[in-house]
C-alpha atoms as a PDB file:
ATOM      1  CA  MET A   1     -52.333 -14.422  93.060  1.00  0.00           C
ATOM      2  CA  GLN A   2     -50.958 -13.930  89.543  1.00  0.00           C
ATOM      3  CA  ARG A   3     -50.858 -16.762  87.198  1.00  0.00           C
ATOM      4  CA  ARG A   4     -47.372 -17.377  86.087  1.00  0.00           C
ATOM      5  CA  LEU A   5     -47.409 -19.539  83.008  1.00  0.00           C
ATOM      6  CA  PRO A   6     -45.442 -22.127  82.506  1.00  0.00           C
ATOM      7  CA  ALA A   7     -47.623 -21.416  79.299  1.00  0.00           C
ATOM      8  CA  ILE A   8     -46.300 -18.485  78.411  1.00  0.00           C
ATOM      9  CA  ALA A   9     -42.777 -20.722  77.296  1.00  0.00           C
ATOM     10  CA  ALA A  10     -45.296 -23.618  76.059  1.00  0.00           C
ATOM     11  CA  ALA A  11     -47.435 -21.524  74.251  1.00  0.00           C
ATOM     12  CA  VAL A  12     -44.834 -19.649  72.047  1.00  0.00           C
ATOM     13  CA  LEU A  13     -42.477 -22.652  71.795  1.00  0.00           C
ATOM     14  CA  LEU A  14     -45.053 -24.670  69.851  1.00  0.00           C
ATOM     15  CA  SER A  15     -48.326 -25.344  71.458  1.00  0.00           C
ATOM     16  CA  LEU A  16     -50.339 -26.093  67.886  1.00  0.00           C
ATOM     17  CA  GLY A  17     -53.671 -27.023  69.852  1.00  0.00           C
ATOM     18  CA  LEU A  18     -54.580 -23.561  70.345  1.00  0.00           C
ATOM     19  CA  ALA A  19     -57.161 -22.406  68.033  1.00  0.00           C
ATOM     20  CA  SER A  20     -56.658 -20.264  64.891  1.00  0.00           C
ATOM     21  CA  CYS A  21     -57.254 -19.447  61.618  1.00  0.00           C
ATOM     22  CA  ALA A  22     -54.104 -21.061  59.370  1.00  0.00           C
ATOM     23  CA  GLY A  23     -52.709 -18.315  56.841  1.00  0.00           C
ATOM     24  CA  SER A  24     -54.458 -15.577  58.155  1.00  0.00           C
ATOM     25  CA  SER A  25     -52.327 -12.760  60.166  1.00  0.00           C
ATOM     26  CA  THR A  26     -52.255 -11.186  62.923  1.00  0.00           C
ATOM     27  CA  PRO A  27     -51.884  -6.968  63.204  1.00  0.00           C
ATOM     28  CA  VAL A  28     -48.635  -5.965  64.275  1.00  0.00           C
ATOM     29  CA  ALA A  29     -48.274  -2.560  66.120  1.00  0.00           C
ATOM     30  CA  THR A  30     -45.022  -0.368  66.448  1.00  0.00           C
ATOM     31  CA  GLY A  31     -46.248   1.375  69.441  1.00  0.00           C
ATOM     32  CA  ASP A  32     -44.072   1.907  72.804  1.00  0.00           C
ATOM     33  CA  ALA A  33     -44.386  -0.766  74.829  1.00  0.00           C
ATOM     34  CA  LEU A  34     -41.073  -1.734  73.306  1.00  0.00           C
ATOM     35  CA  LYS A  35     -39.083   0.848  74.082  1.00  0.00           C
ATOM     36  CA  GLY A  36     -38.759  -0.465  77.738  1.00  0.00           C
ATOM     37  CA  VAL A  37     -37.262  -3.426  76.300  1.00  0.00           C
ATOM     38  CA  GLU A  38     -33.432  -3.701  75.433  1.00  0.00           C
ATOM     39  CA  VAL A  39     -31.587  -6.751  73.811  1.00  0.00           C
ATOM     40  CA  THR A  40     -28.069  -6.795  72.830  1.00  0.00           C
ATOM     41  CA  GLY A  41     -26.089  -9.858  70.912  1.00  0.00           C
ATOM     42  CA  GLU A  42     -25.619 -11.372  67.619  1.00  0.00           C
ATOM     43  CA  TYR A  43     -27.894 -13.232  65.510  1.00  0.00           C
ATOM     44  CA  GLY A  44     -27.428 -17.231  66.420  1.00  0.00           C
ATOM     45  CA  ALA A  45     -26.487 -16.149  69.791  1.00  0.00           C
ATOM     46  CA  ALA A  46     -28.296 -15.925  73.107  1.00  0.00           C
ATOM     47  CA  PRO A  47     -29.464 -12.471  73.874  1.00  0.00           C
ATOM     48  CA  THR A  48     -28.735  -9.982  76.711  1.00  0.00           C
ATOM     49  CA  ILE A  49     -32.504  -8.691  77.646  1.00  0.00           C
ATOM     50  CA  THR A  50     -33.018  -5.919  79.807  1.00  0.00           C
ATOM     51  CA  ILE A  51     -37.050  -5.105  80.601  1.00  0.00           C
ATOM     52  CA  ALA A  52     -37.974  -1.898  81.564  1.00  0.00           C
ATOM     53  CA  ASP A  53     -42.259  -0.600  81.712  1.00  0.00           C
ATOM     54  CA  VAL A  54     -43.940  -2.505  78.824  1.00  0.00           C
ATOM     55  CA  SER A  55     -47.273  -1.465  80.212  1.00  0.00           C
ATOM     56  CA  GLY A  56     -48.036  -0.051  77.468  1.00  0.00           C
ATOM     57  CA  LEU A  57     -48.776  -2.944  75.636  1.00  0.00           C
ATOM     58  CA  GLY A  58     -52.064  -2.642  73.883  1.00  0.00           C
ATOM     59  CA  GLU A  59     -54.546  -5.711  72.202  1.00  0.00           C
ATOM     60  CA  GLU A  60     -51.893  -5.756  69.370  1.00  0.00           C
ATOM     61  CA  ILE A  61     -48.263  -7.414  68.879  1.00  0.00           C
ATOM     62  CA  GLU A  62     -45.624  -5.474  68.883  1.00  0.00           C
ATOM     63  CA  ARG A  63     -42.544  -6.426  66.964  1.00  0.00           C
ATOM     64  CA  ARG A  64     -39.234  -4.931  65.337  1.00  0.00           C
ATOM     65  CA  VAL A  65     -36.185  -6.257  63.964  1.00  0.00           C
ATOM     66  CA  ASP A  66     -33.373  -5.479  65.623  1.00  0.00           C
ATOM     67  CA  ILE A  67     -30.710  -7.592  63.116  1.00  0.00           C
ATOM     68  CA  GLU A  68     -31.787  -7.219  59.548  1.00  0.00           C
ATOM     69  CA  GLY A  69     -31.609 -10.625  57.678  1.00  0.00           C
ATOM     70  CA  ASP A  70     -30.923 -10.806  53.962  1.00  0.00           C
ATOM     71  CA  GLY A  71     -32.633 -13.449  52.837  1.00  0.00           C
ATOM     72  CA  GLU A  72     -36.642 -13.852  51.060  1.00  0.00           C
ATOM     73  CA  GLU A  73     -39.513 -12.091  52.935  1.00  0.00           C
ATOM     74  CA  ILE A  74     -41.385 -14.894  55.091  1.00  0.00           C
ATOM     75  CA  THR A  75     -45.097 -14.992  54.252  1.00  0.00           C
ATOM     76  CA  VAL A  76     -47.993 -16.799  55.671  1.00  0.00           C
ATOM     77  CA  ASP A  77     -47.076 -19.742  53.393  1.00  0.00           C
ATOM     78  CA  SER A  78     -43.550 -19.586  54.957  1.00  0.00           C
ATOM     79  CA  THR A  79     -42.068 -22.814  56.468  1.00  0.00           C
ATOM     80  CA  VAL A  80     -39.946 -21.495  59.019  1.00  0.00           C
ATOM     81  CA  ALA A  81     -37.445 -22.638  61.688  1.00  0.00           C
ATOM     82  CA  ALA A  82     -35.930 -20.671  64.896  1.00  0.00           C
ATOM     83  CA  ASN A  83     -33.828 -20.048  67.534  1.00  0.00           C
ATOM     84  CA  LEU A  84     -35.696 -18.153  70.517  1.00  0.00           C
ATOM     85  CA  THR A  85     -36.103 -17.510  74.353  1.00  0.00           C
ATOM     86  CA  VAL A  86     -39.469 -16.216  75.729  1.00  0.00           C
ATOM     87  CA  TYR A  87     -39.607 -13.995  79.216  1.00  0.00           C
ATOM     88  CA  ASP A  88     -42.609 -13.323  81.289  1.00  0.00           C
ATOM     89  CA  ALA A  89     -42.666  -9.711  80.368  1.00  0.00           C
ATOM     90  CA  GLY A  90     -44.659  -9.192  83.663  1.00  0.00           C
ATOM     91  CA  THR A  91     -41.990 -10.413  86.100  1.00  0.00           C
ATOM     92  CA  LYS A  92     -39.454  -9.462  84.022  1.00  0.00           C
ATOM     93  CA  ALA A  93     -38.268 -13.646  84.311  1.00  0.00           C
ATOM     94  CA  GLU A  94     -37.092 -15.499  81.784  1.00  0.00           C
ATOM     95  CA  GLN A  95     -39.772 -18.705  80.948  1.00  0.00           C
ATOM     96  CA  SER A  96     -37.682 -20.737  78.508  1.00  0.00           C
ATOM     97  CA  PRO A  97     -34.157 -20.070  77.858  1.00  0.00           C
ATOM     98  CA  TYR A  98     -32.446 -19.168  74.030  1.00  0.00           C
ATOM     99  CA  ARG A  99     -32.524 -22.550  71.976  1.00  0.00           C
ATOM    100  CA  PRO A 100     -33.582 -23.886  68.622  1.00  0.00           C
ATOM    101  CA  LEU A 101     -37.832 -24.333  68.853  1.00  0.00           C
ATOM    102  CA  GLY A 102     -37.160 -27.921  68.023  1.00  0.00           C
ATOM    103  CA  GLN A 103     -39.145 -28.309  64.602  1.00  0.00           C
ATOM    104  CA  VAL A 104     -40.222 -26.457  61.349  1.00  0.00           C
ATOM    105  CA  LEU A 105     -43.341 -24.501  61.447  1.00  0.00           C
ATOM    106  CA  ASP A 106     -45.299 -24.332  58.478  1.00  0.00           C
ATOM    107  CA  LEU A 107     -47.285 -20.705  59.170  1.00  0.00           C
ATOM    108  CA  SER A 108     -49.818 -21.781  56.454  1.00  0.00           C
ATOM    109  CA  ALA A 109     -51.107 -25.039  58.471  1.00  0.00           C
ATOM    110  CA  GLU A 110     -54.286 -25.659  60.575  1.00  0.00           C
ATOM    111  CA  GLY A 111     -53.693 -24.995  64.115  1.00  0.00           C
ATOM    112  CA  ILE A 112     -50.698 -22.767  64.198  1.00  0.00           C
ATOM    113  CA  PRO A 113     -51.331 -19.916  66.184  1.00  0.00           C
ATOM    114  CA  GLU A 114     -51.907 -16.204  64.616  1.00  0.00           C
ATOM    115  CA  TYR A 115     -49.620 -14.789  66.695  1.00  0.00           C
ATOM    116  CA  LEU A 116     -47.025 -16.783  65.654  1.00  0.00           C
ATOM    117  CA  THR A 117     -47.272 -15.886  62.113  1.00  0.00           C
ATOM    118  CA  GLY A 118     -47.459 -12.097  63.549  1.00  0.00           C
ATOM    119  CA  LEU A 119     -44.608 -12.658  64.822  1.00  0.00           C
ATOM    120  CA  PHE A 120     -42.692 -13.670  61.221  1.00  0.00           C
ATOM    121  CA  GLU A 121     -44.790 -12.967  58.648  1.00  0.00           C
ATOM    122  CA  GLY A 122     -43.076  -9.978  56.729  1.00  0.00           C
ATOM    123  CA  VAL A 123     -39.404 -10.483  57.777  1.00  0.00           C
ATOM    124  CA  ALA A 124     -36.623 -11.374  56.051  1.00  0.00           C
ATOM    125  CA  SER A 125     -34.731 -14.757  56.284  1.00  0.00           C
ATOM    126  CA  GLY A 126     -31.873 -14.405  58.856  1.00  0.00           C
ATOM    127  CA  SER A 127     -33.495 -11.336  60.964  1.00  0.00           C
ATOM    128  CA  ARG A 128     -33.673 -11.256  64.670  1.00  0.00           C
ATOM    129  CA  VAL A 129     -36.926 -10.508  65.796  1.00  0.00           C
ATOM    130  CA  VAL A 130     -38.197  -9.076  69.373  1.00  0.00           C
ATOM    131  CA  ALA A 131     -41.658  -8.850  69.820  1.00  0.00           C
ATOM    132  CA  LEU A 132     -44.246  -8.221  72.954  1.00  0.00           C
ATOM    133  CA  ILE A 133     -47.381 -10.600  72.615  1.00  0.00           C
ATOM    134  CA  PRO A 134     -50.562  -9.532  74.317  1.00  0.00           C
ATOM    135  CA  SER A 135     -51.865 -12.341  76.734  1.00  0.00           C
ATOM    136  CA  ALA A 136     -55.159 -12.176  74.976  1.00  0.00           C
ATOM    137  CA  LEU A 137     -53.405 -13.662  71.983  1.00  0.00           C
ATOM    138  CA  LEU A 138     -51.606 -16.038  73.945  1.00  0.00           C
ATOM    139  CA  LEU A 139     -55.030 -17.614  75.437  1.00  0.00           C
ATOM    140  CA  GLU A 140     -57.052 -16.879  72.722  1.00  0.00           C
ATOM    141  CA  GLY A 141     -58.889 -20.521  72.157  1.00  0.00           C
ATOM    142  CA  THR A 142     -57.624 -22.145  75.420  1.00  0.00           C
ATOM    143  CA  ALA A 143     -59.703 -22.945  78.633  1.00  0.00           C
ATOM    144  CA  ASN A 144     -58.292 -19.333  79.849  1.00  0.00           C
ATOM    145  CA  ALA A 145     -59.515 -16.800  77.386  1.00  0.00           C
ATOM    146  CA  GLY A 146     -60.349 -14.124  78.672  1.00  0.00           C
ATOM    147  CA  ALA A 147     -58.407 -14.298  81.741  1.00  0.00           C
ATOM    148  CA  THR A 148     -56.894 -11.004  82.925  1.00  0.00           C
ATOM    149  CA  ASP A 149     -54.025 -11.962  85.182  1.00  0.00           C
ATOM    150  CA  THR A 150     -51.956 -13.707  82.491  1.00  0.00           C
ATOM    151  CA  PRO A 151     -48.883 -11.582  81.631  1.00  0.00           C
ATOM    152  CA  PRO A 152     -47.835 -10.820  78.507  1.00  0.00           C
ATOM    153  CA  ALA A 153     -44.487 -12.924  76.278  1.00  0.00           C
ATOM    154  CA  LEU A 154     -41.750 -11.365  75.215  1.00  0.00           C
ATOM    155  CA  VAL A 155     -39.515 -13.200  72.572  1.00  0.00           C
ATOM    156  CA  VAL A 156     -36.410 -12.978  70.742  1.00  0.00           C
ATOM    157  CA  ALA A 157     -36.110 -15.073  68.138  1.00  0.00           C
ATOM    158  CA  ASP A 158     -33.518 -15.729  65.209  1.00  0.00           C
ATOM    159  CA  VAL A 159     -35.547 -16.903  62.023  1.00  0.00           C
ATOM    160  CA  ILE A 160     -35.014 -18.746  58.736  1.00  0.00           C
ATOM    161  CA  GLU A 161     -37.262 -19.598  55.861  1.00  0.00           C
ATOM    162  CA  VAL A 162     -36.783 -22.934  55.418  1.00  0.00           C
ATOM    163  CA  PRO A 163     -37.622 -23.725  51.476  1.00  0.00           C
ATOM    164  CA  GLU A 164     -36.770 -26.968  50.526  1.00  0.00           C
ATOM    165  CA  THR A 165     -37.837 -30.222  52.642  1.00  0.00           C
ATOM    166  CA  ARG A 166     -35.192 -32.284  51.171  1.00  0.00           C
ATOM    167  CA  ALA A 167     -31.329 -31.827  50.107  1.00  0.00           C
ATOM    168  CA  VAL A 168     -31.061 -29.841  46.744  1.00  0.00           C
ATOM    169  CA  GLY A 169     -27.259 -30.221  46.481  1.00  0.00           C
ATOM    170  CA  ALA A 170     -25.063 -31.478  43.207  1.00  0.00           C
ATOM    171  CA  GLU A 171     -24.551 -35.156  43.372  1.00  0.00           C
ATOM    172  CA  GLN A 172     -21.438 -36.379  43.940  1.00  0.00           C
ATOM    173  CA  GLU A 173     -18.599 -39.697  43.442  1.00  0.00           C
ATOM    174  CA  SER A 174     -19.340 -41.756  46.626  1.00  0.00           C
ATOM    175  CA  THR A 175     -16.172 -42.525  49.055  1.00  0.00           C
ATOM    176  CA  GLN A 176     -17.143 -45.342  50.932  1.00  0.00           C
ATOM    177  CA  SER A 177     -18.142 -48.493  50.496  1.00  0.00           C
ATOM    178  CA  LEU A 178     -19.772 -49.637  53.616  1.00  0.00           C
ATOM    179  CA  VAL A 179     -23.433 -48.708  52.709  1.00  0.00           C
ATOM    180  CA  THR A 180     -25.510 -47.594  49.932  1.00  0.00           C
ATOM    181  CA  VAL A 181     -28.353 -44.948  49.924  1.00  0.00           C
ATOM    182  CA  THR A 182     -30.751 -44.442  46.769  1.00  0.00           C
ATOM    183  CA  ASP A 183     -33.366 -41.797  47.064  1.00  0.00           C
ATOM    184  CA  ALA A 184     -36.859 -42.240  46.981  1.00  0.00           C
ATOM    185  CA  ALA A 185     -39.699 -40.318  45.128  1.00  0.00           C
ATOM    186  CA  GLU A 186     -40.777 -39.329  48.491  1.00  0.00           C
ATOM    187  CA  GLY A 187     -39.632 -39.189  51.895  1.00  0.00           C
ATOM    188  CA  ALA A 188     -36.529 -40.919  53.184  1.00  0.00           C
ATOM    189  CA  PRO A 189     -34.062 -42.605  51.162  1.00  0.00           C
ATOM    190  CA  GLN A 190     -33.067 -45.702  51.125  1.00  0.00           C
ATOM    191  CA  ILE A 191     -30.136 -47.233  53.409  1.00  0.00           C
ATOM    192  CA  SER A 192     -28.643 -50.765  53.158  1.00  0.00           C
ATOM    193  CA  ILE A 193     -25.568 -52.231  54.268  1.00  0.00           C
ATOM    194  CA  VAL A 194     -22.823 -53.423  51.901  1.00  0.00           C
ATOM    195  CA  GLU A 195     -22.698 -57.433  52.820  1.00  0.00           C
ATOM    196  CA  GLY A 196     -19.970 -58.608  54.409  1.00  0.00           C
ATOM    197  CA  ALA A 197     -18.675 -55.413  55.337  1.00  0.00           C
ATOM    198  CA  ALA A 198     -17.230 -54.281  58.052  1.00  0.00           C
ATOM    199  CA  ALA A 199     -18.012 -51.969  60.911  1.00  0.00           C
ATOM    200  CA  PRO A 200     -15.394 -48.893  61.010  1.00  0.00           C
ATOM    201  CA  THR A 201     -13.751 -48.049  64.390  1.00  0.00           C
ATOM    202  CA  GLU A 202     -13.485 -44.160  63.601  1.00  0.00           C
ATOM    203  CA  LEU A 203     -16.271 -41.941  61.638  1.00  0.00           C
ATOM    204  CA  VAL A 204     -16.945 -42.130  58.042  1.00  0.00           C
ATOM    205  CA  LEU A 205     -18.408 -39.306  56.273  1.00  0.00           C
ATOM    206  CA  GLU A 206     -19.803 -39.438  52.548  1.00  0.00           C
ATOM    207  CA  THR A 207     -21.192 -35.521  51.221  1.00  0.00           C
ATOM    208  CA  ARG A 208     -23.552 -37.511  48.827  1.00  0.00           C
ATOM    209  CA  LYS A 209     -24.590 -33.920  47.864  1.00  0.00           C
ATOM    210  CA  LEU A 210     -23.175 -30.987  47.801  1.00  0.00           C
ATOM    211  CA  GLY A 211     -24.941 -27.917  48.769  1.00  0.00           C
ATOM    212  CA  THR A 212     -23.883 -24.174  47.716  1.00  0.00           C
ATOM    213  CA  GLY A 213     -25.541 -22.622  51.272  1.00  0.00           C
ATOM    214  CA  ASP A 214     -24.019 -21.173  54.923  1.00  0.00           C
ATOM    215  CA  VAL A 215     -22.149 -23.443  56.442  1.00  0.00           C
ATOM    216  CA  VAL A 216     -22.710 -25.103  59.402  1.00  0.00           C
ATOM    217  CA  ALA A 217     -20.854 -24.126  62.638  1.00  0.00           C
ATOM    218  CA  GLU A 218     -20.107 -25.294  65.833  1.00  0.00           C
ATOM    219  CA  GLY A 219     -22.178 -24.675  68.170  1.00  0.00           C
ATOM    220  CA  SER A 220     -24.897 -23.421  65.859  1.00  0.00           C
ATOM    221  CA  SER A 221     -28.305 -25.125  65.584  1.00  0.00           C
ATOM    222  CA  VAL A 222     -29.461 -26.832  62.406  1.00  0.00           C
ATOM    223  CA  VAL A 223     -32.888 -27.748  60.403  1.00  0.00           C
ATOM    224  CA  VAL A 224     -32.519 -31.496  58.962  1.00  0.00           C
ATOM    225  CA  GLN A 225     -34.279 -34.716  57.834  1.00  0.00           C
ATOM    226  CA  TYR A 226     -32.624 -37.579  58.903  1.00  0.00           C
ATOM    227  CA  THR A 227     -32.772 -41.624  58.999  1.00  0.00           C
ATOM    228  CA  GLY A 228     -30.787 -43.847  60.891  1.00  0.00           C
ATOM    229  CA  VAL A 229     -30.122 -47.573  60.892  1.00  0.00           C
ATOM    230  CA  LEU A 230     -28.379 -49.982  63.148  1.00  0.00           C
ATOM    231  CA  PHE A 231     -25.426 -51.007  61.045  1.00  0.00           C
ATOM    232  CA  ALA A 232     -25.299 -54.422  62.317  1.00  0.00           C
ATOM    233  CA  THR A 233     -28.939 -55.353  61.123  1.00  0.00           C
ATOM    234  CA  GLY A 234     -29.745 -52.606  58.391  1.00  0.00           C
ATOM    235  CA  GLU A 235     -32.643 -51.911  61.331  1.00  0.00           C
ATOM    236  CA  LYS A 236     -34.337 -48.077  61.354  1.00  0.00           C
ATOM    237  CA  PHE A 237     -34.145 -46.913  64.887  1.00  0.00           C
ATOM    238  CA  ASP A 238     -35.229 -43.272  63.914  1.00  0.00           C
ATOM    239  CA  SER A 239     -36.365 -40.981  61.283  1.00  0.00           C
ATOM    240  CA  SER A 240     -37.363 -37.295  60.824  1.00  0.00           C
ATOM    241  CA  TRP A 241     -38.930 -38.164  57.806  1.00  0.00           C
ATOM    242  CA  ASP A 242     -41.367 -40.587  59.985  1.00  0.00           C
ATOM    243  CA  ARG A 243     -42.910 -37.529  61.910  1.00  0.00           C
ATOM    244  CA  GLY A 244     -43.656 -35.961  58.754  1.00  0.00           C
ATOM    245  CA  THR A 245     -41.716 -32.724  59.613  1.00  0.00           C
ATOM    246  CA  PRO A 246     -37.749 -31.727  59.759  1.00  0.00           C
ATOM    247  CA  ALA A 247     -36.127 -31.082  63.186  1.00  0.00           C
ATOM    248  CA  GLN A 248     -34.439 -28.669  64.288  1.00  0.00           C
ATOM    249  CA  PHE A 249     -31.258 -29.100  67.426  1.00  0.00           C
ATOM    250  CA  SER A 250     -27.940 -27.665  68.528  1.00  0.00           C
ATOM    251  CA  THR A 251     -25.225 -29.420  67.260  1.00  0.00           C
ATOM    252  CA  THR A 252     -23.905 -29.643  71.077  1.00  0.00           C
ATOM    253  CA  GLY A 253     -27.087 -31.464  71.745  1.00  0.00           C
ATOM    254  CA  VAL A 254     -26.331 -34.652  69.717  1.00  0.00           C
ATOM    255  CA  VAL A 255     -24.223 -37.663  70.382  1.00  0.00           C
ATOM    256  CA  ASP A 256     -20.268 -36.698  68.898  1.00  0.00           C
ATOM    257  CA  GLY A 257     -20.308 -38.413  65.676  1.00  0.00           C
ATOM    258  CA  PHE A 258     -23.746 -37.066  64.636  1.00  0.00           C
ATOM    259  CA  ALA A 259     -21.811 -33.324  65.348  1.00  0.00           C
ATOM    260  CA  GLN A 260     -19.100 -33.565  63.588  1.00  0.00           C
ATOM    261  CA  ALA A 261     -21.038 -34.873  60.614  1.00  0.00           C
ATOM    262  CA  LEU A 262     -22.766 -31.506  60.231  1.00  0.00           C
ATOM    263  CA  VAL A 263     -20.224 -28.749  61.311  1.00  0.00           C
ATOM    264  CA  GLY A 264     -18.697 -27.548  58.294  1.00  0.00           C
ATOM    265  CA  GLN A 265     -21.247 -28.820  55.914  1.00  0.00           C
ATOM    266  CA  THR A 266     -23.083 -26.338  53.523  1.00  0.00           C
ATOM    267  CA  VAL A 267     -26.962 -26.341  53.487  1.00  0.00           C
ATOM    268  CA  GLY A 268     -28.538 -28.124  50.752  1.00  0.00           C
ATOM    269  CA  SER A 269     -26.102 -31.295  51.362  1.00  0.00           C
ATOM    270  CA  GLN A 270     -26.870 -34.636  51.817  1.00  0.00           C
ATOM    271  CA  VAL A 271     -24.190 -36.387  54.304  1.00  0.00           C
ATOM    272  CA  VAL A 272     -24.374 -40.136  55.070  1.00  0.00           C
ATOM    273  CA  ALA A 273     -22.342 -40.603  58.118  1.00  0.00           C
ATOM    274  CA  VAL A 274     -21.144 -44.276  60.086  1.00  0.00           C
ATOM    275  CA  ILE A 275     -20.572 -43.992  63.591  1.00  0.00           C
ATOM    276  CA  PRO A 276     -18.475 -46.143  65.753  1.00  0.00           C
ATOM    277  CA  PRO A 277     -20.191 -46.598  69.200  1.00  0.00           C
ATOM    278  CA  ALA A 278     -17.298 -44.220  70.408  1.00  0.00           C
ATOM    279  CA  LEU A 279     -18.761 -41.832  68.803  1.00  0.00           C
ATOM    280  CA  GLY A 280     -22.364 -42.462  69.378  1.00  0.00           C
ATOM    281  CA  TYR A 281     -23.887 -43.782  72.633  1.00  0.00           C
ATOM    282  CA  GLY A 282     -20.570 -45.891  73.459  1.00  0.00           C
ATOM    283  CA  ASP A 283     -22.082 -49.127  75.857  1.00  0.00           C
ATOM    284  CA  GLN A 284     -24.880 -47.792  76.822  1.00  0.00           C
ATOM    285  CA  ALA A 285     -27.859 -48.812  75.379  1.00  0.00           C
ATOM    286  CA  SER A 286     -30.589 -45.491  74.016  1.00  0.00           C
ATOM    287  CA  ASP A 287     -34.168 -46.878  72.883  1.00  0.00           C
ATOM    288  CA  THR A 288     -33.957 -49.083  70.008  1.00  0.00           C
ATOM    289  CA  ILE A 289     -30.008 -49.442  69.884  1.00  0.00           C
ATOM    290  CA  PRO A 290     -28.029 -51.884  71.705  1.00  0.00           C
ATOM    291  CA  ALA A 291     -25.308 -50.814  73.604  1.00  0.00           C
ATOM    292  CA  GLY A 292     -22.576 -50.955  71.684  1.00  0.00           C
ATOM    293  CA  SER A 293     -23.873 -50.188  68.253  1.00  0.00           C
ATOM    294  CA  THR A 294     -22.326 -48.570  65.371  1.00  0.00           C
ATOM    295  CA  LEU A 295     -24.932 -46.320  63.634  1.00  0.00           C
ATOM    296  CA  VAL A 296     -25.668 -45.041  60.258  1.00  0.00           C
ATOM    297  CA  PHE A 297     -27.376 -41.904  59.208  1.00  0.00           C
ATOM    298  CA  VAL A 298     -28.165 -39.939  56.134  1.00  0.00           C
ATOM    299  CA  VAL A 299     -29.013 -35.968  57.066  1.00  0.00           C
ATOM    300  CA  ASP A 300     -30.338 -33.906  54.321  1.00  0.00           C
ATOM    301  CA  ILE A 301     -29.436 -30.393  55.945  1.00  0.00           C
ATOM    302  CA  LEU A 302     -31.912 -27.786  55.378  1.00  0.00           C
ATOM    303  CA  GLY A 303     -31.187 -24.403  57.524  1.00  0.00           C
ATOM    304  CA  THR A 304     -28.720 -23.247  59.944  1.00  0.00           C
ATOM    305  CA  ILE A 305     -28.875 -20.847  62.559  1.00  0.00           C
END
């Protein structure tokens, strides 16, 4: 029985345990197998994919760029973010729906599979890439290396380079008196609740730094660094800074107040959001967030797809 990889999706969607040489590049071919793949749709939206015969795929990645971006060229030293979908090129079945990768990828980092470097290296930021990845590359360095019954993967990825690790926009005058934010030399900004401040009943937003990059659209995915604290105590409940890498997610996949804080903002901006319970988790507790909590987020917007 042919081996069907949930691993196809898992590997391409960030299986960092695969053995590889950081910073090296995988050969990329422009063969005939991709002629059997048709992809339609706009950049930043789920594509429509038709797969015919891809049996001509050799030992190297086949790659083409369907939508050419206008950003900087991605190199083996770049940090990138992507929205992508993964198909089993053998059965033509979708293995992972179009979605944000979840975190940025430093292509020079130890443990990054070489096929991911081959997928993105030499492509302009803002491009849509279509690629067939041979099974031997997917399985290299794993317990299943050398297996011959594993199908290749088809990947369609919308990719951007993420050159900054924090907001670099121009400082703005404060427009709220509920919280104070202090930048740190490294890592997360420090958030303090103003003594005696009353929790708001409506969303309070402040653009603390104003970037000049792309505008975050409703339904798009964003790359951010963020810290969240409880308004009642100032206690931190979540921070991408603590995980050591920016997060990536869709504006439709977060609480309403967080989404409203992002949509319409520009890349390079830092936003302060004080979110009442009605636009947060309401009367439901969530992990370290008590029911009925007012939330405070400071968000650095680093990219959008």
